[in-house]
Amino acid sequence: MEQRLFPRYQLATPLTGSVEQEGARYSGSVLDISLGGFYLHLSKPPQGNLKLQGDDDYGEVHYAGRNAFGFGNLVRVEKFSKGVGVGFTWDRSGMDETSTLLVAELIKEQQLKRGLGHVATADADIILAGHVSSALTDEVFSYLRFIGAGKARLSLKECTSVDSSGIEMLMALRDRGVPIVNVGVEIEGILQRFQLSALEPDKKSNDA
């Protein structure tokens, strides 16, 4: 599947994008992207039903005043209480060179962000700063073993962005019962999309 062939990068600030099927165009917010495609959130359900693997599906992403576009296929359609999520995969062999280079530029920016994250501690808080991704996993879990899952809290007060691999790490910590605290407004919006915001921000530890 496309997700296994190409790493996906969760965008802290969504881009504008669109998909087209059977002459109808649907515009929304690009939430994550890879070299193979992107995931688009539509705030309103489209008229009629979107079909998977339709003929001549088309996708477009706007980035830095430029557009990456090409034919491909809708590979996922998910209905939510607030809109619809659409997974789109490009036919990379049919993309023009300008679009291919633009997507590669965007992916490189996301990869560079992964090197901008770091981990610190303060008492029982594990503080994630900068860009949160799977690159921080080993260090985070090392601190978690030292502090103890029953005592540790995960603070995002210094987090500036998070990608899909970082979301997966946060889900793993949530499943271990580690509360997420001090979440900024922008990051909270990202967590809400993955149902991670049910954990109460700024909740004080019972040991405090």
C-alpha atoms as a PDB file:
ATOM      1  CA  MET A   1       0.000   0.000   0.000  1.00  0.00           C
ATOM      2  CA  GLU A   2       1.059   3.618  -0.510  1.00  0.00           C
ATOM      3  CA  GLN A   3       1.558   4.223   3.210  1.00  0.00           C
ATOM      4  CA  ARG A   4       4.153   1.418   3.346  1.00  0.00           C
ATOM      5  CA  LEU A   5       6.034   2.502   0.247  1.00  0.00           C
ATOM      6  CA  PHE A   6       6.380   6.163   1.263  1.00  0.00           C
ATOM      7  CA  PRO A   7       6.607   7.612   4.802  1.00  0.00           C
ATOM      8  CA  ARG A   8       3.765  10.021   5.540  1.00  0.00           C
ATOM      9  CA  TYR A   9       4.354  13.386   7.181  1.00  0.00           C
ATOM     10  CA  GLN A  10       1.694  15.026   9.328  1.00  0.00           C
ATOM     11  CA  LEU A  11       1.559  18.744   8.547  1.00  0.00           C
ATOM     12  CA  ALA A  12       1.414  21.060  11.553  1.00  0.00           C
ATOM     13  CA  THR A  13      -0.068  23.727   9.281  1.00  0.00           C
ATOM     14  CA  PRO A  14      -2.385  22.126   6.695  1.00  0.00           C
ATOM     15  CA  LEU A  15      -1.972  23.026   3.050  1.00  0.00           C
ATOM     16  CA  THR A  16      -4.775  23.706   0.579  1.00  0.00           C
ATOM     17  CA  GLY A  17      -5.499  20.925  -1.865  1.00  0.00           C
ATOM     18  CA  SER A  18      -8.184  19.308  -3.976  1.00  0.00           C
ATOM     19  CA  VAL A  19      -9.253  16.144  -5.726  1.00  0.00           C
ATOM     20  CA  GLU A  20     -11.352  15.770  -8.844  1.00  0.00           C
ATOM     21  CA  GLN A  21     -13.566  12.893  -9.860  1.00  0.00           C
ATOM     22  CA  GLU A  22     -15.962  12.647 -12.809  1.00  0.00           C
ATOM     23  CA  GLY A  23     -15.710  16.384 -13.476  1.00  0.00           C
ATOM     24  CA  ALA A  24     -16.470  17.440  -9.877  1.00  0.00           C
ATOM     25  CA  ARG A  25     -13.802  19.248  -7.842  1.00  0.00           C
ATOM     26  CA  TYR A  26     -13.549  18.980  -4.049  1.00  0.00           C
ATOM     27  CA  SER A  27     -11.260  21.366  -2.163  1.00  0.00           C
ATOM     28  CA  GLY A  28     -10.107  21.117   1.431  1.00  0.00           C
ATOM     29  CA  SER A  29      -7.126  20.902   3.794  1.00  0.00           C
ATOM     30  CA  VAL A  30      -4.159  18.607   3.183  1.00  0.00           C
ATOM     31  CA  LEU A  31      -3.395  17.056   6.591  1.00  0.00           C
ATOM     32  CA  ASP A  32      -0.509  14.793   5.643  1.00  0.00           C
ATOM     33  CA  ILE A  33       1.580  14.093   2.576  1.00  0.00           C
ATOM     34  CA  SER A  34       4.061  11.597   1.171  1.00  0.00           C
ATOM     35  CA  LEU A  35       5.964  11.186  -2.064  1.00  0.00           C
ATOM     36  CA  GLY A  36       3.105   8.968  -3.204  1.00  0.00           C
ATOM     37  CA  GLY A  37       0.040  11.004  -2.300  1.00  0.00           C
ATOM     38  CA  PHE A  38      -1.807  12.990   0.357  1.00  0.00           C
ATOM     39  CA  TYR A  39      -4.729  12.962   2.770  1.00  0.00           C
ATOM     40  CA  LEU A  40      -7.383  15.626   2.243  1.00  0.00           C
ATOM     41  CA  HIS A  41     -10.026  16.761   4.748  1.00  0.00           C
ATOM     42  CA  LEU A  42     -13.278  18.095   3.303  1.00  0.00           C
ATOM     43  CA  SER A  43     -15.273  20.203   5.769  1.00  0.00           C
ATOM     44  CA  LYS A  44     -18.565  19.289   4.049  1.00  0.00           C
ATOM     45  CA  PRO A  45     -19.668  15.940   2.610  1.00  0.00           C
ATOM     46  CA  PRO A  46     -19.533  15.949  -1.213  1.00  0.00           C
ATOM     47  CA  GLN A  47     -22.634  15.675  -3.345  1.00  0.00           C
ATOM     48  CA  GLY A  48     -23.057  11.988  -4.137  1.00  0.00           C
ATOM     49  CA  ASN A  49     -20.580   9.266  -3.284  1.00  0.00           C
ATOM     50  CA  LEU A  50     -16.863   9.329  -4.034  1.00  0.00           C
ATOM     51  CA  LYS A  51     -15.643   6.104  -5.621  1.00  0.00           C
ATOM     52  CA  LEU A  52     -12.382   4.337  -4.865  1.00  0.00           C
ATOM     53  CA  GLN A  53     -10.027   3.736  -7.769  1.00  0.00           C
ATOM     54  CA  GLY A  54     -12.089   5.875 -10.138  1.00  0.00           C
ATOM     55  CA  ASP A  55     -11.102   6.514 -13.727  1.00  0.00           C
ATOM     56  CA  ASP A  56      -8.965   9.639 -14.236  1.00  0.00           C
ATOM     57  CA  ASP A  57      -9.035  10.829 -10.623  1.00  0.00           C
ATOM     58  CA  TYR A  58      -6.947  13.970 -10.177  1.00  0.00           C
ATOM     59  CA  GLY A  59      -5.189  15.560  -7.208  1.00  0.00           C
ATOM     60  CA  GLU A  60      -3.567  18.909  -6.490  1.00  0.00           C
ATOM     61  CA  VAL A  61      -1.633  20.439  -3.580  1.00  0.00           C
ATOM     62  CA  HIS A  62      -0.747  24.138  -3.168  1.00  0.00           C
ATOM     63  CA  TYR A  63       2.594  24.865  -1.511  1.00  0.00           C
ATOM     64  CA  ALA A  64       4.727  28.020  -1.335  1.00  0.00           C
ATOM     65  CA  GLY A  65       2.749  29.716  -4.101  1.00  0.00           C
ATOM     66  CA  ARG A  66       3.114  26.743  -6.439  1.00  0.00           C
ATOM     67  CA  ASN A  67       1.050  23.693  -7.333  1.00  0.00           C
ATOM     68  CA  ALA A  68       1.851  19.984  -7.477  1.00  0.00           C
ATOM     69  CA  PHE A  69      -0.725  18.083  -9.497  1.00  0.00           C
ATOM     70  CA  GLY A  70      -1.348  14.902 -11.425  1.00  0.00           C
ATOM     71  CA  PHE A  71      -3.683  12.037 -12.129  1.00  0.00           C
ATOM     72  CA  GLY A  72      -4.042   9.138  -9.741  1.00  0.00           C
ATOM     73  CA  ASN A  73      -6.649   7.407  -7.609  1.00  0.00           C
ATOM     74  CA  LEU A  74      -8.799   7.928  -4.550  1.00  0.00           C
ATOM     75  CA  VAL A  75      -7.751   5.080  -2.252  1.00  0.00           C
ATOM     76  CA  ARG A  76      -9.615   5.945   0.947  1.00  0.00           C
ATOM     77  CA  VAL A  77     -12.833   7.757   1.846  1.00  0.00           C
ATOM     78  CA  GLU A  78     -13.699   8.184   5.535  1.00  0.00           C
ATOM     79  CA  LYS A  79     -16.797   9.890   6.886  1.00  0.00           C
ATOM     80  CA  PHE A  80     -16.568  11.816  10.149  1.00  0.00           C
ATOM     81  CA  SER A  81     -19.025  13.863  12.174  1.00  0.00           C
ATOM     82  CA  LYS A  82     -17.328  16.941  10.758  1.00  0.00           C
ATOM     83  CA  GLY A  83     -16.540  16.295   7.127  1.00  0.00           C
ATOM     84  CA  VAL A  84     -14.892  13.607   5.045  1.00  0.00           C
ATOM     85  CA  GLY A  85     -11.303  12.368   4.792  1.00  0.00           C
ATOM     86  CA  VAL A  86      -9.986  11.419   1.356  1.00  0.00           C
ATOM     87  CA  GLY A  87      -6.771   9.532   0.657  1.00  0.00           C
ATOM     88  CA  PHE A  88      -5.301  10.194  -2.780  1.00  0.00           C
ATOM     89  CA  THR A  89      -2.400   8.413  -4.502  1.00  0.00           C
ATOM     90  CA  TRP A  90      -0.641   9.978  -7.478  1.00  0.00           C
ATOM     91  CA  ASP A  91       0.300   8.056 -10.590  1.00  0.00           C
ATOM     92  CA  ARG A  92       3.938   9.095 -10.214  1.00  0.00           C
ATOM     93  CA  SER A  93       4.874   7.968 -13.702  1.00  0.00           C
ATOM     94  CA  GLY A  94       2.387  10.483 -15.088  1.00  0.00           C
ATOM     95  CA  MET A  95       3.397  13.490 -12.985  1.00  0.00           C
ATOM     96  CA  ASP A  96       5.334  16.292 -14.652  1.00  0.00           C
ATOM     97  CA  GLU A  97       8.842  17.071 -13.411  1.00  0.00           C
ATOM     98  CA  THR A  98       7.835  20.377 -11.788  1.00  0.00           C
ATOM     99  CA  SER A  99       5.190  18.694  -9.632  1.00  0.00           C
ATOM    100  CA  THR A 100       7.520  15.840  -8.694  1.00  0.00           C
ATOM    101  CA  LEU A 101      10.248  18.268  -7.608  1.00  0.00           C
ATOM    102  CA  LEU A 102       7.801  20.381  -5.614  1.00  0.00           C
ATOM    103  CA  VAL A 103       6.527  17.363  -3.669  1.00  0.00           C
ATOM    104  CA  ALA A 104      10.133  16.286  -3.028  1.00  0.00           C
ATOM    105  CA  GLU A 105      10.912  19.802  -1.736  1.00  0.00           C
ATOM    106  CA  LEU A 106       7.962  19.654   0.642  1.00  0.00           C
ATOM    107  CA  ILE A 107       8.966  16.206   1.888  1.00  0.00           C
ATOM    108  CA  LYS A 108      12.561  17.369   2.437  1.00  0.00           C
ATOM    109  CA  GLU A 109      11.280  20.238   4.580  1.00  0.00           C
ATOM    110  CA  GLN A 110       9.341  17.766   6.697  1.00  0.00           C
ATOM    111  CA  GLN A 111      12.386  15.506   7.018  1.00  0.00           C
ATOM    112  CA  LEU A 112      14.524  18.416   8.191  1.00  0.00           C
ATOM    113  CA  LYS A 113      11.930  19.226  10.839  1.00  0.00           C
ATOM    114  CA  ARG A 114      12.443  15.778  12.321  1.00  0.00           C
ATOM    115  CA  GLY A 115      15.938  16.823  13.325  1.00  0.00           C
ATOM    116  CA  LEU A 116      14.637  19.877  15.187  1.00  0.00           C
ATOM    117  CA  GLY A 117      12.973  18.023  18.055  1.00  0.00           C
ATOM    118  CA  HIS A 118      14.467  17.261  21.443  1.00  0.00           C
ATOM    119  CA  VAL A 119      13.479  15.849  24.814  1.00  0.00           C
ATOM    120  CA  ALA A 120      14.027  17.213  28.332  1.00  0.00           C
ATOM    121  CA  THR A 121      12.654  16.459  31.791  1.00  0.00           C
ATOM    122  CA  ALA A 122      11.470  18.493  34.766  1.00  0.00           C
ATOM    123  CA  ASP A 123      10.430  16.490  37.816  1.00  0.00           C
ATOM    124  CA  ALA A 124       7.895  13.944  36.474  1.00  0.00           C
ATOM    125  CA  ASP A 125       7.332  15.776  33.181  1.00  0.00           C
ATOM    126  CA  ILE A 126       8.843  14.535  29.932  1.00  0.00           C
ATOM    127  CA  ILE A 127       9.001  17.701  27.801  1.00  0.00           C
ATOM    128  CA  LEU A 128       8.865  17.393  24.025  1.00  0.00           C
ATOM    129  CA  ALA A 129      10.221  20.492  22.282  1.00  0.00           C
ATOM    130  CA  GLY A 130      10.349  21.564  18.634  1.00  0.00           C
ATOM    131  CA  HIS A 131       9.157  19.031  16.079  1.00  0.00           C
ATOM    132  CA  VAL A 132       7.753  15.790  17.518  1.00  0.00           C
ATOM    133  CA  SER A 133       8.390  12.654  15.449  1.00  0.00           C
ATOM    134  CA  SER A 134       9.416   9.024  15.866  1.00  0.00           C
ATOM    135  CA  ALA A 135      13.036  10.222  16.002  1.00  0.00           C
ATOM    136  CA  LEU A 136      12.389  11.034  19.688  1.00  0.00           C
ATOM    137  CA  THR A 137      10.903   7.625  20.576  1.00  0.00           C
ATOM    138  CA  ASP A 138      13.946   5.924  22.114  1.00  0.00           C
ATOM    139  CA  GLU A 139      14.777   8.905  24.329  1.00  0.00           C
ATOM    140  CA  VAL A 140      11.156   9.390  25.426  1.00  0.00           C
ATOM    141  CA  PHE A 141      10.723   5.749  26.429  1.00  0.00           C
ATOM    142  CA  SER A 142      14.078   5.767  28.202  1.00  0.00           C
ATOM    143  CA  TYR A 143      12.880   8.643  30.396  1.00  0.00           C
ATOM    144  CA  LEU A 144       9.531   6.902  30.840  1.00  0.00           C
ATOM    145  CA  ARG A 145      11.210   3.787  32.239  1.00  0.00           C
ATOM    146  CA  PHE A 146      13.303   5.944  34.592  1.00  0.00           C
ATOM    147  CA  ILE A 147      10.370   8.025  35.918  1.00  0.00           C
ATOM    148  CA  GLY A 148       7.734   5.278  35.782  1.00  0.00           C
ATOM    149  CA  ALA A 149       4.594   5.169  33.649  1.00  0.00           C
ATOM    150  CA  GLY A 150       2.401   5.707  36.704  1.00  0.00           C
ATOM    151  CA  LYS A 151       4.112   9.020  37.533  1.00  0.00           C
ATOM    152  CA  ALA A 152       5.290  10.498  34.254  1.00  0.00           C
ATOM    153  CA  ARG A 153       3.413  13.174  32.291  1.00  0.00           C
ATOM    154  CA  LEU A 154       4.072  14.230  28.727  1.00  0.00           C
ATOM    155  CA  SER A 155       4.343  18.004  28.328  1.00  0.00           C
ATOM    156  CA  LEU A 156       3.882  19.573  24.897  1.00  0.00           C
ATOM    157  CA  LYS A 157       4.314  23.155  26.050  1.00  0.00           C
ATOM    158  CA  GLU A 158       7.407  23.589  23.843  1.00  0.00           C
ATOM    159  CA  CYS A 159       6.164  21.499  20.912  1.00  0.00           C
ATOM    160  CA  THR A 160       5.903  23.504  17.670  1.00  0.00           C
ATOM    161  CA  SER A 161       4.827  20.774  15.218  1.00  0.00           C
ATOM    162  CA  VAL A 162       4.133  17.048  15.009  1.00  0.00           C
ATOM    163  CA  ASP A 163       4.053  14.570  12.136  1.00  0.00           C
ATOM    164  CA  SER A 164       2.209  11.270  11.691  1.00  0.00           C
ATOM    165  CA  SER A 165       5.031   9.242  13.236  1.00  0.00           C
ATOM    166  CA  GLY A 166       4.914  11.550  16.267  1.00  0.00           C
ATOM    167  CA  ILE A 167       1.160  11.006  16.530  1.00  0.00           C
ATOM    168  CA  GLU A 168       1.752   7.245  16.616  1.00  0.00           C
ATOM    169  CA  MET A 169       4.248   7.719  19.446  1.00  0.00           C
ATOM    170  CA  LEU A 170       1.746   9.856  21.399  1.00  0.00           C
ATOM    171  CA  MET A 171      -0.906   7.162  20.905  1.00  0.00           C
ATOM    172  CA  ALA A 172       1.475   4.531  22.297  1.00  0.00           C
ATOM    173  CA  LEU A 173       2.120   6.718  25.350  1.00  0.00           C
ATOM    174  CA  ARG A 174      -1.618   7.360  25.757  1.00  0.00           C
ATOM    175  CA  ASP A 175      -2.206   3.595  25.729  1.00  0.00           C
ATOM    176  CA  ARG A 176       0.327   3.263  28.565  1.00  0.00           C
ATOM    177  CA  GLY A 177      -1.703   5.733  30.616  1.00  0.00           C
ATOM    178  CA  VAL A 178       0.714   8.673  30.321  1.00  0.00           C
ATOM    179  CA  PRO A 179      -1.298  11.946  30.466  1.00  0.00           C
ATOM    180  CA  ILE A 180      -0.581  14.637  27.884  1.00  0.00           C
ATOM    181  CA  VAL A 181      -0.454  18.132  29.419  1.00  0.00           C
ATOM    182  CA  ASN A 182       0.293  21.759  28.531  1.00  0.00           C
ATOM    183  CA  VAL A 183      -0.916  21.477  24.932  1.00  0.00           C
ATOM    184  CA  GLY A 184      -0.868  24.667  22.838  1.00  0.00           C
ATOM    185  CA  VAL A 185      -3.881  25.675  20.748  1.00  0.00           C
ATOM    186  CA  GLU A 186      -2.342  24.791  17.371  1.00  0.00           C
ATOM    187  CA  ILE A 187      -1.083  21.397  18.528  1.00  0.00           C
ATOM    188  CA  GLU A 188      -4.388  20.694  20.282  1.00  0.00           C
ATOM    189  CA  GLY A 189      -6.109  21.047  16.905  1.00  0.00           C
ATOM    190  CA  ILE A 190      -3.873  18.305  15.506  1.00  0.00           C
ATOM    191  CA  LEU A 191      -4.451  16.015  18.491  1.00  0.00           C
ATOM    192  CA  GLN A 192      -8.203  16.414  18.174  1.00  0.00           C
ATOM    193  CA  ARG A 193      -8.113  14.927  14.683  1.00  0.00           C
ATOM    194  CA  PHE A 194      -6.616  11.763  16.155  1.00  0.00           C
ATOM    195  CA  GLN A 195      -8.845  11.696  19.262  1.00  0.00           C
ATOM    196  CA  LEU A 196      -5.881  12.338  21.532  1.00  0.00           C
ATOM    197  CA  SER A 197      -7.350  15.470  23.112  1.00  0.00           C
ATOM    198  CA  ALA A 198      -9.626  13.476  25.416  1.00  0.00           C
ATOM    199  CA  LEU A 199      -6.712  13.520  27.839  1.00  0.00           C
ATOM    200  CA  GLU A 200      -7.079  16.671  29.894  1.00  0.00           C
ATOM    201  CA  PRO A 201      -4.454  19.340  29.128  1.00  0.00           C
ATOM    202  CA  ASP A 202      -2.907  21.065  32.143  1.00  0.00           C
ATOM    203  CA  LYS A 203      -4.215  18.367  34.492  1.00  0.00           C
ATOM    204  CA  LYS A 204      -2.105  18.296  37.620  1.00  0.00           C
ATOM    205  CA  SER A 205      -0.420  15.125  38.658  1.00  0.00           C
ATOM    206  CA  ASN A 206      -2.010  13.318  41.627  1.00  0.00           C
ATOM    207  CA  ASP A 207       1.399  13.272  43.208  1.00  0.00           C
ATOM    208  CA  ALA A 208       1.817  17.043  43.093  1.00  0.00           C
END
